[in-house]
Amino acid sequence: MRILTGNDLATGDVVWWTGSDWSRHVAEAVDVDNHGEAIGAAEEAARRVNAPYVIDAEATPEGPRPAHIKDRIRALGPTVRPDLYIKPADPSAGSWVI
């Protein structure tokens, strides 16, 4: 599975491509297959996202799980203050960072 991520231009938030828009929640990301670079280029040109890139992910019942630890951390939000990270539907989601 390959998913597309980047940063929202207005807020700087990490966002994930849902197939039609961007979401702050990695669980809503969809498989972009080999179309991720083209989607990212179009979305960046439209000024909806900054620095989009495609990553490998594993499909799970709770949604995609980024393959690389960097993107797992990005999916959960800031690491400085735990009260600011994005609360996933799965309360044990923090355990999949490592």
PDB file of N, CA and C in Angstrom:
ATOM      1  N   MET A   1       0.856  -1.174   0.000  1.00  0.00           N
ATOM      2  CA  MET A   1       0.000   0.000   0.000  1.00  0.00           C
ATOM      3  C   MET A   1       0.895   1.228   0.000  1.00  0.00           C
ATOM      4  N   ARG A   2       0.512   2.243  -0.770  1.00  0.00           N
ATOM      5  CA  ARG A   2       1.235   3.512  -0.816  1.00  0.00           C
ATOM      6  C   ARG A   2       0.240   4.629  -0.532  1.00  0.00           C
ATOM      7  N   ILE A   3       0.616   5.527   0.383  1.00  0.00           N
ATOM      8  CA  ILE A   3      -0.257   6.644   0.723  1.00  0.00           C
ATOM      9  C   ILE A   3       0.490   7.955   0.530  1.00  0.00           C
ATOM     10  N   LEU A   4      -0.271   9.024   0.394  1.00  0.00           N
ATOM     11  CA  LEU A   4       0.276  10.347   0.110  1.00  0.00           C
ATOM     12  C   LEU A   4       0.122  11.239   1.331  1.00  0.00           C
ATOM     13  N   THR A   5       1.196  11.919   1.687  1.00  0.00           N
ATOM     14  CA  THR A   5       1.171  12.823   2.829  1.00  0.00           C
ATOM     15  C   THR A   5       1.843  14.133   2.463  1.00  0.00           C
ATOM     16  N   GLY A   6       1.619  15.128   3.269  1.00  0.00           N
ATOM     17  CA  GLY A   6       2.234  16.443   3.095  1.00  0.00           C
ATOM     18  C   GLY A   6       1.833  17.311   4.273  1.00  0.00           C
ATOM     19  N   ASN A   7       1.949  18.607   4.093  1.00  0.00           N
ATOM     20  CA  ASN A   7       1.550  19.548   5.134  1.00  0.00           C
ATOM     21  C   ASN A   7       0.551  20.543   4.571  1.00  0.00           C
ATOM     22  N   ASP A   8      -0.500  20.806   5.339  1.00  0.00           N
ATOM     23  CA  ASP A   8      -1.515  21.776   4.967  1.00  0.00           C
ATOM     24  C   ASP A   8      -0.877  23.162   4.909  1.00  0.00           C
ATOM     25  N   LEU A   9      -1.106  23.890   3.834  1.00  0.00           N
ATOM     26  CA  LEU A   9      -0.493  25.202   3.693  1.00  0.00           C
ATOM     27  C   LEU A   9      -1.019  26.221   4.698  1.00  0.00           C
ATOM     28  N   ALA A  10      -2.272  26.153   5.045  1.00  0.00           N
ATOM     29  CA  ALA A  10      -2.858  27.142   5.953  1.00  0.00           C
ATOM     30  C   ALA A  10      -2.446  26.935   7.402  1.00  0.00           C
ATOM     31  N   THR A  11      -2.330  25.679   7.825  1.00  0.00           N
ATOM     32  CA  THR A  11      -2.091  25.406   9.243  1.00  0.00           C
ATOM     33  C   THR A  11      -0.734  24.773   9.538  1.00  0.00           C
ATOM     34  N   GLY A  12      -0.119  24.167   8.534  1.00  0.00           N
ATOM     35  CA  GLY A  12       1.123  23.428   8.753  1.00  0.00           C
ATOM     36  C   GLY A  12       0.890  22.015   9.244  1.00  0.00           C
ATOM     37  N   ASP A  13      -0.365  21.647   9.465  1.00  0.00           N
ATOM     38  CA  ASP A  13      -0.693  20.307   9.956  1.00  0.00           C
ATOM     39  C   ASP A  13      -0.254  19.233   8.959  1.00  0.00           C
ATOM     40  N   VAL A  14       0.133  18.088   9.486  1.00  0.00           N
ATOM     41  CA  VAL A  14       0.394  16.917   8.655  1.00  0.00           C
ATOM     42  C   VAL A  14      -0.956  16.446   8.120  1.00  0.00           C
ATOM     43  N   VAL A  15      -1.020  16.189   6.818  1.00  0.00           N
ATOM     44  CA  VAL A  15      -2.274  15.749   6.204  1.00  0.00           C
ATOM     45  C   VAL A  15      -2.031  14.526   5.329  1.00  0.00           C
ATOM     46  N   TRP A  16      -3.114  13.798   5.091  1.00  0.00           N
ATOM     47  CA  TRP A  16      -3.088  12.543   4.345  1.00  0.00           C
ATOM     48  C   TRP A  16      -4.156  12.594   3.267  1.00  0.00           C
ATOM     49  N   TRP A  17      -3.845  12.113   2.067  1.00  0.00           N
ATOM     50  CA  TRP A  17      -4.765  12.128   0.936  1.00  0.00           C
ATOM     51  C   TRP A  17      -5.860  11.077   1.118  1.00  0.00           C
ATOM     52  N   THR A  18      -7.127  11.511   1.005  1.00  0.00           N
ATOM     53  CA  THR A  18      -8.265  10.616   1.223  1.00  0.00           C
ATOM     54  C   THR A  18      -8.878  10.093  -0.077  1.00  0.00           C
ATOM     55  N   GLY A  19      -8.370  10.554  -1.188  1.00  0.00           N
ATOM     56  CA  GLY A  19      -8.942  10.178  -2.482  1.00  0.00           C
ATOM     57  C   GLY A  19      -9.642  11.345  -3.134  1.00  0.00           C
ATOM     58  N   SER A  20     -10.062  12.323  -2.316  1.00  0.00           N
ATOM     59  CA  SER A  20     -10.718  13.511  -2.865  1.00  0.00           C
ATOM     60  C   SER A  20     -10.310  14.784  -2.135  1.00  0.00           C
ATOM     61  N   ASP A  21      -9.680  14.646  -0.981  1.00  0.00           N
ATOM     62  CA  ASP A  21      -9.316  15.797  -0.158  1.00  0.00           C
ATOM     63  C   ASP A  21      -8.208  15.373   0.799  1.00  0.00           C
ATOM     64  N   TRP A  22      -7.877  16.235   1.741  1.00  0.00           N
ATOM     65  CA  TRP A  22      -6.839  15.957   2.724  1.00  0.00           C
ATOM     66  C   TRP A  22      -7.452  15.839   4.110  1.00  0.00           C
ATOM     67  N   SER A  23      -6.889  14.963   4.938  1.00  0.00           N
ATOM     68  CA  SER A  23      -7.365  14.754   6.298  1.00  0.00           C
ATOM     69  C   SER A  23      -6.187  14.782   7.259  1.00  0.00           C
ATOM     70  N   ARG A  24      -6.425  15.207   8.474  1.00  0.00           N
ATOM     71  CA  ARG A  24      -5.401  15.162   9.519  1.00  0.00           C
ATOM     72  C   ARG A  24      -5.255  13.752  10.093  1.00  0.00           C
ATOM     73  N   HIS A  25      -6.107  12.836   9.703  1.00  0.00           N
ATOM     74  CA  HIS A  25      -6.132  11.494  10.283  1.00  0.00           C
ATOM     75  C   HIS A  25      -5.649  10.453   9.280  1.00  0.00           C
ATOM     76  N   VAL A  26      -4.554   9.788   9.602  1.00  0.00           N
ATOM     77  CA  VAL A  26      -3.975   8.792   8.711  1.00  0.00           C
ATOM     78  C   VAL A  26      -4.958   7.649   8.436  1.00  0.00           C
ATOM     79  N   ALA A  27      -5.866   7.381   9.337  1.00  0.00           N
ATOM     80  CA  ALA A  27      -6.844   6.305   9.140  1.00  0.00           C
ATOM     81  C   ALA A  27      -7.732   6.554   7.925  1.00  0.00           C
ATOM     82  N   GLU A  28      -7.827   7.797   7.483  1.00  0.00           N
ATOM     83  CA  GLU A  28      -8.659   8.134   6.325  1.00  0.00           C
ATOM     84  C   GLU A  28      -7.881   8.118   5.015  1.00  0.00           C
ATOM     85  N   ALA A  29      -6.589   7.848   5.062  1.00  0.00           N
ATOM     86  CA  ALA A  29      -5.763   7.821   3.852  1.00  0.00           C
ATOM     87  C   ALA A  29      -6.138   6.639   2.969  1.00  0.00           C
ATOM     88  N   VAL A  30      -5.987   6.833   1.672  1.00  0.00           N
ATOM     89  CA  VAL A  30      -6.289   5.773   0.707  1.00  0.00           C
ATOM     90  C   VAL A  30      -5.026   5.384  -0.055  1.00  0.00           C
ATOM     91  N   ASP A  31      -5.050   4.211  -0.613  1.00  0.00           N
ATOM     92  CA  ASP A  31      -3.938   3.723  -1.434  1.00  0.00           C
ATOM     93  C   ASP A  31      -3.912   4.511  -2.741  1.00  0.00           C
ATOM     94  N   VAL A  32      -2.784   5.165  -3.017  1.00  0.00           N
ATOM     95  CA  VAL A  32      -2.656   5.942  -4.250  1.00  0.00           C
ATOM     96  C   VAL A  32      -1.968   5.151  -5.356  1.00  0.00           C
ATOM     97  N   ASP A  33      -1.527   3.943  -5.050  1.00  0.00           N
ATOM     98  CA  ASP A  33      -0.868   3.062  -6.007  1.00  0.00           C
ATOM     99  C   ASP A  33       0.279   3.815  -6.682  1.00  0.00           C
ATOM    100  N   ASN A  34       0.290   3.890  -7.995  1.00  0.00           N
ATOM    101  CA  ASN A  34       1.360   4.590  -8.722  1.00  0.00           C
ATOM    102  C   ASN A  34       0.959   5.998  -9.124  1.00  0.00           C
ATOM    103  N   HIS A  35      -0.126   6.517  -8.578  1.00  0.00           N
ATOM    104  CA  HIS A  35      -0.619   7.838  -8.957  1.00  0.00           C
ATOM    105  C   HIS A  35      -0.262   8.923  -7.949  1.00  0.00           C
ATOM    106  N   GLY A  36       0.408   8.564  -6.878  1.00  0.00           N
ATOM    107  CA  GLY A  36       0.686   9.503  -5.796  1.00  0.00           C
ATOM    108  C   GLY A  36       1.474  10.727  -6.204  1.00  0.00           C
ATOM    109  N   GLU A  37       2.520  10.533  -6.997  1.00  0.00           N
ATOM    110  CA  GLU A  37       3.333  11.674  -7.399  1.00  0.00           C
ATOM    111  C   GLU A  37       2.519  12.666  -8.229  1.00  0.00           C
ATOM    112  N   ALA A  38       1.685  12.162  -9.139  1.00  0.00           N
ATOM    113  CA  ALA A  38       0.861  13.046  -9.971  1.00  0.00           C
ATOM    114  C   ALA A  38      -0.177  13.782  -9.133  1.00  0.00           C
ATOM    115  N   ILE A  39      -0.804  13.077  -8.200  1.00  0.00           N
ATOM    116  CA  ILE A  39      -1.791  13.712  -7.313  1.00  0.00           C
ATOM    117  C   ILE A  39      -1.101  14.775  -6.477  1.00  0.00           C
ATOM    118  N   GLY A  40       0.048  14.436  -5.910  1.00  0.00           N
ATOM    119  CA  GLY A  40       0.793  15.388  -5.089  1.00  0.00           C
ATOM    120  C   GLY A  40       1.188  16.623  -5.860  1.00  0.00           C
ATOM    121  N   ALA A  41       1.661  16.453  -7.090  1.00  0.00           N
ATOM    122  CA  ALA A  41       2.055  17.597  -7.914  1.00  0.00           C
ATOM    123  C   ALA A  41       0.866  18.498  -8.210  1.00  0.00           C
ATOM    124  N   ALA A  42      -0.280  17.907  -8.527  1.00  0.00           N
ATOM    125  CA  ALA A  42      -1.481  18.699  -8.811  1.00  0.00           C
ATOM    126  C   ALA A  42      -1.962  19.440  -7.569  1.00  0.00           C
ATOM    127  N   GLU A  43      -1.936  18.790  -6.424  1.00  0.00           N
ATOM    128  CA  GLU A  43      -2.391  19.410  -5.183  1.00  0.00           C
ATOM    129  C   GLU A  43      -1.431  20.514  -4.725  1.00  0.00           C
ATOM    130  N   GLU A  44      -0.150  20.300  -4.944  1.00  0.00           N
ATOM    131  CA  GLU A  44       0.826  21.336  -4.587  1.00  0.00           C
ATOM    132  C   GLU A  44       0.686  22.538  -5.522  1.00  0.00           C
ATOM    133  N   ALA A  45       0.463  22.289  -6.803  1.00  0.00           N
ATOM    134  CA  ALA A  45       0.266  23.374  -7.768  1.00  0.00           C
ATOM    135  C   ALA A  45      -0.992  24.176  -7.448  1.00  0.00           C
ATOM    136  N   ALA A  46      -2.001  23.513  -6.920  1.00  0.00           N
ATOM    137  CA  ALA A  46      -3.248  24.189  -6.542  1.00  0.00           C
ATOM    138  C   ALA A  46      -3.122  24.878  -5.185  1.00  0.00           C
ATOM    139  N   ARG A  47      -1.955  24.757  -4.567  1.00  0.00           N
ATOM    140  CA  ARG A  47      -1.652  25.387  -3.277  1.00  0.00           C
ATOM    141  C   ARG A  47      -2.538  24.906  -2.138  1.00  0.00           C
ATOM    142  N   ARG A  48      -2.822  23.611  -2.145  1.00  0.00           N
ATOM    143  CA  ARG A  48      -3.591  23.013  -1.050  1.00  0.00           C
ATOM    144  C   ARG A  48      -2.688  22.279  -0.064  1.00  0.00           C
ATOM    145  N   VAL A  49      -1.476  21.937  -0.512  1.00  0.00           N
ATOM    146  CA  VAL A  49      -0.566  21.161   0.328  1.00  0.00           C
ATOM    147  C   VAL A  49       0.875  21.532  -0.009  1.00  0.00           C
ATOM    148  N   ASN A  50       1.742  21.391   0.970  1.00  0.00           N
ATOM    149  CA  ASN A  50       3.155  21.684   0.779  1.00  0.00           C
ATOM    150  C   ASN A  50       3.970  20.392   0.875  1.00  0.00           C
ATOM    151  N   ALA A  51       4.907  20.234  -0.017  1.00  0.00           N
ATOM    152  CA  ALA A  51       5.857  19.128  -0.008  1.00  0.00           C
ATOM    153  C   ALA A  51       5.209  17.745   0.115  1.00  0.00           C
ATOM    154  N   PRO A  52       4.247  17.433  -0.746  1.00  0.00           N
ATOM    155  CA  PRO A  52       3.637  16.100  -0.674  1.00  0.00           C
ATOM    156  C   PRO A  52       4.618  15.016  -1.112  1.00  0.00           C
ATOM    157  N   TYR A  53       4.504  13.848  -0.506  1.00  0.00           N
ATOM    158  CA  TYR A  53       5.320  12.718  -0.916  1.00  0.00           C
ATOM    159  C   TYR A  53       4.591  11.419  -0.596  1.00  0.00           C
ATOM    160  N   VAL A  54       4.962  10.388  -1.326  1.00  0.00           N
ATOM    161  CA  VAL A  54       4.335   9.071  -1.198  1.00  0.00           C
ATOM    162  C   VAL A  54       5.165   8.227  -0.236  1.00  0.00           C
ATOM    163  N   ILE A  55       4.466   7.494   0.633  1.00  0.00           N
ATOM    164  CA  ILE A  55       5.147   6.595   1.565  1.00  0.00           C
ATOM    165  C   ILE A  55       4.532   5.208   1.481  1.00  0.00           C
ATOM    166  N   ASP A  56       5.298   4.241   1.919  1.00  0.00           N
ATOM    167  CA  ASP A  56       4.788   2.879   2.037  1.00  0.00           C
ATOM    168  C   ASP A  56       4.019   2.760   3.342  1.00  0.00           C
ATOM    169  N   ALA A  57       2.965   1.980   3.311  1.00  0.00           N
ATOM    170  CA  ALA A  57       2.149   1.760   4.502  1.00  0.00           C
ATOM    171  C   ALA A  57       1.598   0.345   4.467  1.00  0.00           C
ATOM    172  N   GLU A  58       1.181  -0.102   5.623  1.00  0.00           N
ATOM    173  CA  GLU A  58       0.563  -1.417   5.772  1.00  0.00           C
ATOM    174  C   GLU A  58      -0.924  -1.216   6.021  1.00  0.00           C
ATOM    175  N   ALA A  59      -1.749  -1.944   5.301  1.00  0.00           N
ATOM    176  CA  ALA A  59      -3.188  -1.872   5.536  1.00  0.00           C
ATOM    177  C   ALA A  59      -3.514  -2.647   6.805  1.00  0.00           C
ATOM    178  N   THR A  60      -4.248  -2.015   7.717  1.00  0.00           N
ATOM    179  CA  THR A  60      -4.687  -2.679   8.946  1.00  0.00           C
ATOM    180  C   THR A  60      -6.187  -2.463   9.074  1.00  0.00           C
ATOM    181  N   PRO A  61      -6.858  -3.191   9.942  1.00  0.00           N
ATOM    182  CA  PRO A  61      -8.294  -2.973  10.135  1.00  0.00           C
ATOM    183  C   PRO A  61      -8.623  -1.551  10.610  1.00  0.00           C
ATOM    184  N   GLU A  62      -7.665  -0.886  11.263  1.00  0.00           N
ATOM    185  CA  GLU A  62      -7.878   0.479  11.751  1.00  0.00           C
ATOM    186  C   GLU A  62      -7.510   1.530  10.717  1.00  0.00           C
ATOM    187  N   GLY A  63      -7.003   1.111   9.569  1.00  0.00           N
ATOM    188  CA  GLY A  63      -6.563   2.037   8.533  1.00  0.00           C
ATOM    189  C   GLY A  63      -5.085   1.853   8.261  1.00  0.00           C
ATOM    190  N   PRO A  64      -4.531   2.651   7.379  1.00  0.00           N
ATOM    191  CA  PRO A  64      -3.124   2.501   7.021  1.00  0.00           C
ATOM    192  C   PRO A  64      -2.190   2.765   8.198  1.00  0.00           C
ATOM    193  N   ARG A  65      -1.109   2.007   8.227  1.00  0.00           N
ATOM    194  CA  ARG A  65      -0.058   2.202   9.232  1.00  0.00           C
ATOM    195  C   ARG A  65       1.224   2.485   8.470  1.00  0.00           C
ATOM    196  N   PRO A  66       1.767   3.715   8.578  1.00  0.00           N
ATOM    197  CA  PRO A  66       3.004   4.035   7.863  1.00  0.00           C
ATOM    198  C   PRO A  66       4.114   3.035   8.181  1.00  0.00           C
ATOM    199  N   ALA A  67       4.885   2.678   7.161  1.00  0.00           N
ATOM    200  CA  ALA A  67       5.945   1.693   7.324  1.00  0.00           C
ATOM    201  C   ALA A  67       7.150   2.251   8.072  1.00  0.00           C
ATOM    202  N   HIS A  68       7.438   3.516   7.893  1.00  0.00           N
ATOM    203  CA  HIS A  68       8.624   4.113   8.496  1.00  0.00           C
ATOM    204  C   HIS A  68       8.263   4.850   9.784  1.00  0.00           C
ATOM    205  N   ILE A  69       9.120   4.742  10.772  1.00  0.00           N
ATOM    206  CA  ILE A  69       8.848   5.362  12.078  1.00  0.00           C
ATOM    207  C   ILE A  69       8.649   6.873  11.974  1.00  0.00           C
ATOM    208  N   LYS A  70       9.382   7.534  11.081  1.00  0.00           N
ATOM    209  CA  LYS A  70       9.217   8.985  10.912  1.00  0.00           C
ATOM    210  C   LYS A  70       7.763   9.327  10.602  1.00  0.00           C
ATOM    211  N   ASP A  71       7.168   8.589   9.700  1.00  0.00           N
ATOM    212  CA  ASP A  71       5.791   8.877   9.309  1.00  0.00           C
ATOM    213  C   ASP A  71       4.782   8.396  10.339  1.00  0.00           C
ATOM    214  N   ARG A  72       5.120   7.397  11.118  1.00  0.00           N
ATOM    215  CA  ARG A  72       4.247   6.995  12.231  1.00  0.00           C
ATOM    216  C   ARG A  72       4.180   8.122  13.253  1.00  0.00           C
ATOM    217  N   ILE A  73       5.325   8.728  13.526  1.00  0.00           N
ATOM    218  CA  ILE A  73       5.357   9.851  14.463  1.00  0.00           C
ATOM    219  C   ILE A  73       4.584  11.030  13.890  1.00  0.00           C
ATOM    220  N   ARG A  74       4.761  11.329  12.607  1.00  0.00           N
ATOM    221  CA  ARG A  74       4.024  12.420  11.964  1.00  0.00           C
ATOM    222  C   ARG A  74       2.513  12.176  12.056  1.00  0.00           C
ATOM    223  N   ALA A  75       2.102  10.912  11.945  1.00  0.00           N
ATOM    224  CA  ALA A  75       0.675  10.578  11.980  1.00  0.00           C
ATOM    225  C   ALA A  75       0.050  10.888  13.332  1.00  0.00           C
ATOM    226  N   LEU A  76       0.830  10.799  14.402  1.00  0.00           N
ATOM    227  CA  LEU A  76       0.291  11.037  15.745  1.00  0.00           C
ATOM    228  C   LEU A  76       0.336  12.494  16.165  1.00  0.00           C
ATOM    229  N   GLY A  77       1.132  13.311  15.502  1.00  0.00           N
ATOM    230  CA  GLY A  77       1.188  14.726  15.836  1.00  0.00           C
ATOM    231  C   GLY A  77       2.429  15.088  16.624  1.00  0.00           C
ATOM    232  N   PRO A  78       2.459  16.296  17.163  1.00  0.00           N
ATOM    233  CA  PRO A  78       3.665  16.788  17.837  1.00  0.00           C
ATOM    234  C   PRO A  78       4.127  15.865  18.955  1.00  0.00           C
ATOM    235  N   THR A  79       5.438  15.761  19.094  1.00  0.00           N
ATOM    236  CA  THR A  79       6.004  14.918  20.137  1.00  0.00           C
ATOM    237  C   THR A  79       6.400  15.725  21.369  1.00  0.00           C
ATOM    238  N   VAL A  80       6.260  17.026  21.299  1.00  0.00           N
ATOM    239  CA  VAL A  80       6.680  17.875  22.406  1.00  0.00           C
ATOM    240  C   VAL A  80       5.712  17.807  23.578  1.00  0.00           C
ATOM    241  N   ARG A  81       4.423  17.902  23.293  1.00  0.00           N
ATOM    242  CA  ARG A  81       3.403  17.865  24.339  1.00  0.00           C
ATOM    243  C   ARG A  81       2.343  16.830  23.975  1.00  0.00           C
ATOM    244  N   PRO A  82       2.244  15.760  24.751  1.00  0.00           N
ATOM    245  CA  PRO A  82       1.280  14.704  24.441  1.00  0.00           C
ATOM    246  C   PRO A  82      -0.167  15.184  24.370  1.00  0.00           C
ATOM    247  N   ASP A  83      -0.509  16.269  25.046  1.00  0.00           N
ATOM    248  CA  ASP A  83      -1.888  16.751  24.998  1.00  0.00           C
ATOM    249  C   ASP A  83      -2.230  17.363  23.644  1.00  0.00           C
ATOM    250  N   LEU A  84      -1.243  17.561  22.774  1.00  0.00           N
ATOM    251  CA  LEU A  84      -1.493  18.147  21.462  1.00  0.00           C
ATOM    252  C   LEU A  84      -1.585  17.124  20.334  1.00  0.00           C
ATOM    253  N   TYR A  85      -1.190  15.872  20.616  1.00  0.00           N
ATOM    254  CA  TYR A  85      -1.194  14.930  19.510  1.00  0.00           C
ATOM    255  C   TYR A  85      -2.616  14.561  19.109  1.00  0.00           C
ATOM    256  N   ILE A  86      -2.766  14.106  17.880  1.00  0.00           N
ATOM    257  CA  ILE A  86      -4.067  13.756  17.327  1.00  0.00           C
ATOM    258  C   ILE A  86      -4.553  12.478  17.984  1.00  0.00           C
ATOM    259  N   LYS A  87      -5.731  12.534  18.551  1.00  0.00           N
ATOM    260  CA  LYS A  87      -6.293  11.379  19.244  1.00  0.00           C
ATOM    261  C   LYS A  87      -6.945  10.434  18.229  1.00  0.00           C
ATOM    262  N   PRO A  88      -6.307   9.294  17.947  1.00  0.00           N
ATOM    263  CA  PRO A  88      -6.916   8.341  17.011  1.00  0.00           C
ATOM    264  C   PRO A  88      -8.079   7.592  17.678  1.00  0.00           C
ATOM    265  N   ALA A  89      -8.871   6.978  16.847  1.00  0.00           N
ATOM    266  CA  ALA A  89     -10.005   6.210  17.374  1.00  0.00           C
ATOM    267  C   ALA A  89      -9.524   5.044  18.225  1.00  0.00           C
ATOM    268  N   ASP A  90      -8.352   4.526  17.907  1.00  0.00           N
ATOM    269  CA  ASP A  90      -7.794   3.401  18.649  1.00  0.00           C
ATOM    270  C   ASP A  90      -6.903   3.931  19.771  1.00  0.00           C
ATOM    271  N   PRO A  91      -7.279   3.768  21.045  1.00  0.00           N
ATOM    272  CA  PRO A  91      -6.488   4.314  22.133  1.00  0.00           C
ATOM    273  C   PRO A  91      -5.095   3.705  22.254  1.00  0.00           C
ATOM    274  N   SER A  92      -4.853   2.562  21.646  1.00  0.00           N
ATOM    275  CA  SER A  92      -3.539   1.949  21.717  1.00  0.00           C
ATOM    276  C   SER A  92      -2.668   2.328  20.513  1.00  0.00           C
ATOM    277  N   ALA A  93      -3.101   3.287  19.710  1.00  0.00           N
ATOM    278  CA  ALA A  93      -2.370   3.654  18.499  1.00  0.00           C
ATOM    279  C   ALA A  93      -0.946   4.104  18.794  1.00  0.00           C
ATOM    280  N   GLY A  94      -0.729   4.708  19.938  1.00  0.00           N
ATOM    281  CA  GLY A  94       0.620   5.121  20.284  1.00  0.00           C
ATOM    282  C   GLY A  94       1.604   3.972  20.350  1.00  0.00           C
ATOM    283  N   SER A  95       1.122   2.781  20.592  1.00  0.00           N
ATOM    284  CA  SER A  95       2.007   1.618  20.690  1.00  0.00           C
ATOM    285  C   SER A  95       2.547   1.195  19.329  1.00  0.00           C
ATOM    286  N   TRP A  96       1.955   1.671  18.242  1.00  0.00           N
ATOM    287  CA  TRP A  96       2.481   1.260  16.934  1.00  0.00           C
ATOM    288  C   TRP A  96       3.536   2.200  16.392  1.00  0.00           C
ATOM    289  N   VAL A  97       3.954   3.199  17.168  1.00  0.00           N
ATOM    290  CA  VAL A  97       5.019   4.081  16.715  1.00  0.00           C
ATOM    291  C   VAL A  97       6.311   3.291  16.582  1.00  0.00           C
ATOM    292  N   ILE A  98       6.585   2.430  17.529  1.00  0.00           N
ATOM    293  CA  ILE A  98       7.857   1.682  17.482  1.00  0.00           C
ATOM    294  C   ILE A  98       7.622   0.257  17.029  1.00  0.00           C
TER     295      ILE A  98
END
